[in-house]
Amino acid sequence: MLQAVGAPALLILIWSTGFIAARAVAPHADPNLFLTFRFLIAVVGFTILVRNVPWPER
């Protein structure tokens, strides 16, 4: 249940706050460094959500 609701909610949260966070950070940080941290946070979040999802059988 958490994966079915959590993954889309996390995607929407990360995607929708991108512009706001980028505008706030732009005067203070390098854009590439900001994007690197942002993508790392997204990878960790999605990894936590899908770690118990069973893989399809061959």
PDB file of N, CA and C in Angstrom:
ATOM      1  N   MET A   1       0.825  -1.195   0.000  1.00  0.00           N
ATOM      2  CA  MET A   1       0.000   0.000   0.000  1.00  0.00           C
ATOM      3  C   MET A   1       0.867   1.256   0.000  1.00  0.00           C
ATOM      4  N   LEU A   2       1.922   1.240   0.832  1.00  0.00           N
ATOM      5  CA  LEU A   2       2.781   2.420   0.910  1.00  0.00           C
ATOM      6  C   LEU A   2       3.453   2.705  -0.427  1.00  0.00           C
ATOM      7  N   GLN A   3       3.879   1.649  -1.125  1.00  0.00           N
ATOM      8  CA  GLN A   3       4.503   1.862  -2.425  1.00  0.00           C
ATOM      9  C   GLN A   3       3.511   2.402  -3.437  1.00  0.00           C
ATOM     10  N   ALA A   4       2.279   1.941  -3.374  1.00  0.00           N
ATOM     11  CA  ALA A   4       1.267   2.379  -4.335  1.00  0.00           C
ATOM     12  C   ALA A   4       0.903   3.845  -4.136  1.00  0.00           C
ATOM     13  N   VAL A   5       0.946   4.325  -2.918  1.00  0.00           N
ATOM     14  CA  VAL A   5       0.597   5.712  -2.630  1.00  0.00           C
ATOM     15  C   VAL A   5       1.847   6.567  -2.464  1.00  0.00           C
ATOM     16  N   GLY A   6       2.862   6.014  -1.829  1.00  0.00           N
ATOM     17  CA  GLY A   6       4.064   6.778  -1.499  1.00  0.00           C
ATOM     18  C   GLY A   6       4.912   7.171  -2.693  1.00  0.00           C
ATOM     19  N   ALA A   7       5.119   6.264  -3.634  1.00  0.00           N
ATOM     20  CA  ALA A   7       5.975   6.563  -4.779  1.00  0.00           C
ATOM     21  C   ALA A   7       5.400   7.695  -5.638  1.00  0.00           C
ATOM     22  N   PRO A   8       4.128   7.652  -6.019  1.00  0.00           N
ATOM     23  CA  PRO A   8       3.578   8.777  -6.790  1.00  0.00           C
ATOM     24  C   PRO A   8       3.562  10.083  -6.002  1.00  0.00           C
ATOM     25  N   ALA A   9       3.279   9.996  -4.713  1.00  0.00           N
ATOM     26  CA  ALA A   9       3.263  11.214  -3.897  1.00  0.00           C
ATOM     27  C   ALA A   9       4.654  11.817  -3.798  1.00  0.00           C
ATOM     28  N   LEU A  10       5.675  10.976  -3.644  1.00  0.00           N
ATOM     29  CA  LEU A  10       7.054  11.456  -3.591  1.00  0.00           C
ATOM     30  C   LEU A  10       7.463  12.068  -4.931  1.00  0.00           C
ATOM     31  N   LEU A  11       7.069  11.439  -6.023  1.00  0.00           N
ATOM     32  CA  LEU A  11       7.372  11.985  -7.347  1.00  0.00           C
ATOM     33  C   LEU A  11       6.738  13.363  -7.519  1.00  0.00           C
ATOM     34  N   ILE A  12       5.489  13.506  -7.155  1.00  0.00           N
ATOM     35  CA  ILE A  12       4.805  14.791  -7.294  1.00  0.00           C
ATOM     36  C   ILE A  12       5.447  15.840  -6.403  1.00  0.00           C
ATOM     37  N   LEU A  13       5.811  15.474  -5.186  1.00  0.00           N
ATOM     38  CA  LEU A  13       6.452  16.412  -4.267  1.00  0.00           C
ATOM     39  C   LEU A  13       7.800  16.882  -4.818  1.00  0.00           C
ATOM     40  N   ILE A  14       8.616  15.951  -5.279  1.00  0.00           N
ATOM     41  CA  ILE A  14       9.934  16.312  -5.808  1.00  0.00           C
ATOM     42  C   ILE A  14       9.789  17.148  -7.073  1.00  0.00           C
ATOM     43  N   TRP A  15       8.886  16.745  -7.951  1.00  0.00           N
ATOM     44  CA  TRP A  15       8.732  17.440  -9.220  1.00  0.00           C
ATOM     45  C   TRP A  15       8.148  18.846  -9.023  1.00  0.00           C
ATOM     46  N   SER A  16       7.149  18.957  -8.189  1.00  0.00           N
ATOM     47  CA  SER A  16       6.463  20.233  -8.042  1.00  0.00           C
ATOM     48  C   SER A  16       7.269  21.268  -7.275  1.00  0.00           C
ATOM     49  N   THR A  17       8.195  20.843  -6.438  1.00  0.00           N
ATOM     50  CA  THR A  17       9.001  21.801  -5.683  1.00  0.00           C
ATOM     51  C   THR A  17      10.299  22.160  -6.385  1.00  0.00           C
ATOM     52  N   GLY A  18      10.533  21.602  -7.546  1.00  0.00           N
ATOM     53  CA  GLY A  18      11.795  21.841  -8.247  1.00  0.00           C
ATOM     54  C   GLY A  18      12.037  23.294  -8.586  1.00  0.00           C
ATOM     55  N   PHE A  19      11.072  23.964  -9.145  1.00  0.00           N
ATOM     56  CA  PHE A  19      11.253  25.353  -9.543  1.00  0.00           C
ATOM     57  C   PHE A  19      11.415  26.255  -8.323  1.00  0.00           C
ATOM     58  N   ILE A  20      10.608  26.020  -7.308  1.00  0.00           N
ATOM     59  CA  ILE A  20      10.674  26.841  -6.104  1.00  0.00           C
ATOM     60  C   ILE A  20      12.034  26.689  -5.425  1.00  0.00           C
ATOM     61  N   ALA A  21      12.473  25.460  -5.281  1.00  0.00           N
ATOM     62  CA  ALA A  21      13.767  25.215  -4.637  1.00  0.00           C
ATOM     63  C   ALA A  21      14.912  25.766  -5.479  1.00  0.00           C
ATOM     64  N   ALA A  22      14.833  25.627  -6.783  1.00  0.00           N
ATOM     65  CA  ALA A  22      15.895  26.136  -7.656  1.00  0.00           C
ATOM     66  C   ALA A  22      16.001  27.660  -7.573  1.00  0.00           C
ATOM     67  N   ARG A  23      14.880  28.337  -7.526  1.00  0.00           N
ATOM     68  CA  ARG A  23      14.899  29.805  -7.400  1.00  0.00           C
ATOM     69  C   ARG A  23      15.490  30.233  -6.066  1.00  0.00           C
ATOM     70  N   ALA A  24      15.204  29.499  -5.015  1.00  0.00           N
ATOM     71  CA  ALA A  24      15.710  29.849  -3.691  1.00  0.00           C
ATOM     72  C   ALA A  24      17.206  29.587  -3.562  1.00  0.00           C
ATOM     73  N   VAL A  25      17.698  28.554  -4.236  1.00  0.00           N
ATOM     74  CA  VAL A  25      19.094  28.148  -4.096  1.00  0.00           C
ATOM     75  C   VAL A  25      19.998  28.824  -5.127  1.00  0.00           C
ATOM     76  N   ALA A  26      19.458  29.252  -6.238  1.00  0.00           N
ATOM     77  CA  ALA A  26      20.261  29.771  -7.354  1.00  0.00           C
ATOM     78  C   ALA A  26      21.268  30.856  -6.967  1.00  0.00           C
ATOM     79  N   PRO A  27      20.933  31.827  -6.134  1.00  0.00           N
ATOM     80  CA  PRO A  27      21.927  32.845  -5.787  1.00  0.00           C
ATOM     81  C   PRO A  27      23.041  32.331  -4.871  1.00  0.00           C
ATOM     82  N   HIS A  28      22.853  31.162  -4.269  1.00  0.00           N
ATOM     83  CA  HIS A  28      23.783  30.702  -3.251  1.00  0.00           C
ATOM     84  C   HIS A  28      24.584  29.470  -3.630  1.00  0.00           C
ATOM     85  N   ALA A  29      24.185  28.732  -4.652  1.00  0.00           N
ATOM     86  CA  ALA A  29      24.842  27.467  -4.970  1.00  0.00           C
ATOM     87  C   ALA A  29      24.953  27.284  -6.473  1.00  0.00           C
ATOM     88  N   ASP A  30      25.893  26.452  -6.867  1.00  0.00           N
ATOM     89  CA  ASP A  30      26.061  26.086  -8.266  1.00  0.00           C
ATOM     90  C   ASP A  30      24.870  25.216  -8.701  1.00  0.00           C
ATOM     91  N   PRO A  31      24.269  25.495  -9.843  1.00  0.00           N
ATOM     92  CA  PRO A  31      23.096  24.710 -10.268  1.00  0.00           C
ATOM     93  C   PRO A  31      23.389  23.215 -10.418  1.00  0.00           C
ATOM     94  N   ASN A  32      24.570  22.870 -10.912  1.00  0.00           N
ATOM     95  CA  ASN A  32      24.886  21.447 -11.080  1.00  0.00           C
ATOM     96  C   ASN A  32      25.031  20.745  -9.737  1.00  0.00           C
ATOM     97  N   LEU A  33      25.604  21.410  -8.758  1.00  0.00           N
ATOM     98  CA  LEU A  33      25.715  20.829  -7.428  1.00  0.00           C
ATOM     99  C   LEU A  33      24.328  20.652  -6.812  1.00  0.00           C
ATOM    100  N   PHE A  34      23.478  21.637  -6.981  1.00  0.00           N
ATOM    101  CA  PHE A  34      22.111  21.551  -6.476  1.00  0.00           C
ATOM    102  C   PHE A  34      21.371  20.379  -7.112  1.00  0.00           C
ATOM    103  N   LEU A  35      21.484  20.234  -8.422  1.00  0.00           N
ATOM    104  CA  LEU A  35      20.810  19.131  -9.107  1.00  0.00           C
ATOM    105  C   LEU A  35      21.355  17.776  -8.667  1.00  0.00           C
ATOM    106  N   THR A  36      22.646  17.711  -8.434  1.00  0.00           N
ATOM    107  CA  THR A  36      23.238  16.456  -7.963  1.00  0.00           C
ATOM    108  C   THR A  36      22.640  16.040  -6.630  1.00  0.00           C
ATOM    109  N   PHE A  37      22.572  16.964  -5.676  1.00  0.00           N
ATOM    110  CA  PHE A  37      21.975  16.643  -4.387  1.00  0.00           C
ATOM    111  C   PHE A  37      20.497  16.308  -4.525  1.00  0.00           C
ATOM    112  N   ARG A  38      19.802  17.017  -5.370  1.00  0.00           N
ATOM    113  CA  ARG A  38      18.378  16.778  -5.580  1.00  0.00           C
ATOM    114  C   ARG A  38      18.140  15.374  -6.149  1.00  0.00           C
ATOM    115  N   PHE A  39      18.943  14.987  -7.131  1.00  0.00           N
ATOM    116  CA  PHE A  39      18.789  13.653  -7.716  1.00  0.00           C
ATOM    117  C   PHE A  39      19.178  12.567  -6.718  1.00  0.00           C
ATOM    118  N   LEU A  40      20.197  12.812  -5.902  1.00  0.00           N
ATOM    119  CA  LEU A  40      20.575  11.830  -4.887  1.00  0.00           C
ATOM    120  C   LEU A  40      19.458  11.627  -3.863  1.00  0.00           C
ATOM    121  N   ILE A  41      18.829  12.708  -3.472  1.00  0.00           N
ATOM    122  CA  ILE A  41      17.702  12.597  -2.540  1.00  0.00           C
ATOM    123  C   ILE A  41      16.564  11.807  -3.186  1.00  0.00           C
ATOM    124  N   ALA A  42      16.302  12.040  -4.464  1.00  0.00           N
ATOM    125  CA  ALA A  42      15.245  11.308  -5.164  1.00  0.00           C
ATOM    126  C   ALA A  42      15.583   9.826  -5.268  1.00  0.00           C
ATOM    127  N   VAL A  43      16.827   9.502  -5.572  1.00  0.00           N
ATOM    128  CA  VAL A  43      17.234   8.095  -5.679  1.00  0.00           C
ATOM    129  C   VAL A  43      17.084   7.391  -4.340  1.00  0.00           C
ATOM    130  N   VAL A  44      17.527   8.029  -3.276  1.00  0.00           N
ATOM    131  CA  VAL A  44      17.392   7.427  -1.945  1.00  0.00           C
ATOM    132  C   VAL A  44      15.918   7.236  -1.594  1.00  0.00           C
ATOM    133  N   GLY A  45      15.103   8.230  -1.868  1.00  0.00           N
ATOM    134  CA  GLY A  45      13.677   8.126  -1.562  1.00  0.00           C
ATOM    135  C   GLY A  45      12.991   7.007  -2.314  1.00  0.00           C
ATOM    136  N   PHE A  46      13.243   6.908  -3.598  1.00  0.00           N
ATOM    137  CA  PHE A  46      12.607   5.849  -4.381  1.00  0.00           C
ATOM    138  C   PHE A  46      13.170   4.478  -4.037  1.00  0.00           C
ATOM    139  N   THR A  47      14.449   4.411  -3.696  1.00  0.00           N
ATOM    140  CA  THR A  47      15.032   3.141  -3.289  1.00  0.00           C
ATOM    141  C   THR A  47      14.389   2.639  -2.006  1.00  0.00           C
ATOM    142  N   ILE A  48      14.156   3.526  -1.074  1.00  0.00           N
ATOM    143  CA  ILE A  48      13.490   3.141   0.174  1.00  0.00           C
ATOM    144  C   ILE A  48      12.073   2.645  -0.105  1.00  0.00           C
ATOM    145  N   LEU A  49      11.377   3.292  -1.023  1.00  0.00           N
ATOM    146  CA  LEU A  49       9.990   2.894  -1.311  1.00  0.00           C
ATOM    147  C   LEU A  49       9.886   1.564  -2.042  1.00  0.00           C
ATOM    148  N   VAL A  50      10.841   1.244  -2.898  1.00  0.00           N
ATOM    149  CA  VAL A  50      10.695   0.046  -3.728  1.00  0.00           C
ATOM    150  C   VAL A  50      11.594  -1.108  -3.286  1.00  0.00           C
ATOM    151  N   ARG A  51      12.241  -1.008  -2.153  1.00  0.00           N
ATOM    152  CA  ARG A  51      13.164  -2.067  -1.741  1.00  0.00           C
ATOM    153  C   ARG A  51      12.477  -3.391  -1.458  1.00  0.00           C
ATOM    154  N   ASN A  52      11.217  -3.382  -1.087  1.00  0.00           N
ATOM    155  CA  ASN A  52      10.499  -4.633  -0.774  1.00  0.00           C
ATOM    156  C   ASN A  52       9.541  -5.060  -1.884  1.00  0.00           C
ATOM    157  N   VAL A  53       9.585  -4.405  -3.003  1.00  0.00           N
ATOM    158  CA  VAL A  53       8.699  -4.766  -4.105  1.00  0.00           C
ATOM    159  C   VAL A  53       9.262  -6.008  -4.792  1.00  0.00           C
ATOM    160  N   PRO A  54       8.451  -7.048  -4.962  1.00  0.00           N
ATOM    161  CA  PRO A  54       8.963  -8.268  -5.601  1.00  0.00           C
ATOM    162  C   PRO A  54       9.243  -8.054  -7.094  1.00  0.00           C
ATOM    163  N   TRP A  55      10.349  -8.611  -7.549  1.00  0.00           N
ATOM    164  CA  TRP A  55      10.704  -8.539  -8.963  1.00  0.00           C
ATOM    165  C   TRP A  55       9.904  -9.584  -9.737  1.00  0.00           C
ATOM    166  N   PRO A  56       9.588  -9.323 -10.998  1.00  0.00           N
ATOM    167  CA  PRO A  56       8.839 -10.303 -11.790  1.00  0.00           C
ATOM    168  C   PRO A  56       9.688 -11.558 -12.059  1.00  0.00           C
ATOM    169  N   GLU A  57       9.012 -12.674 -12.133  1.00  0.00           N
ATOM    170  CA  GLU A  57       9.689 -13.946 -12.433  1.00  0.00           C
ATOM    171  C   GLU A  57       9.969 -14.028 -13.927  1.00  0.00           C
ATOM    172  N   ARG A  58      11.041 -14.711 -14.261  1.00  0.00           N
ATOM    173  CA  ARG A  58      11.354 -14.916 -15.687  1.00  0.00           C
ATOM    174  C   ARG A  58      10.603 -16.092 -16.240  1.00  0.00           C
TER     175      ARG A  58
END
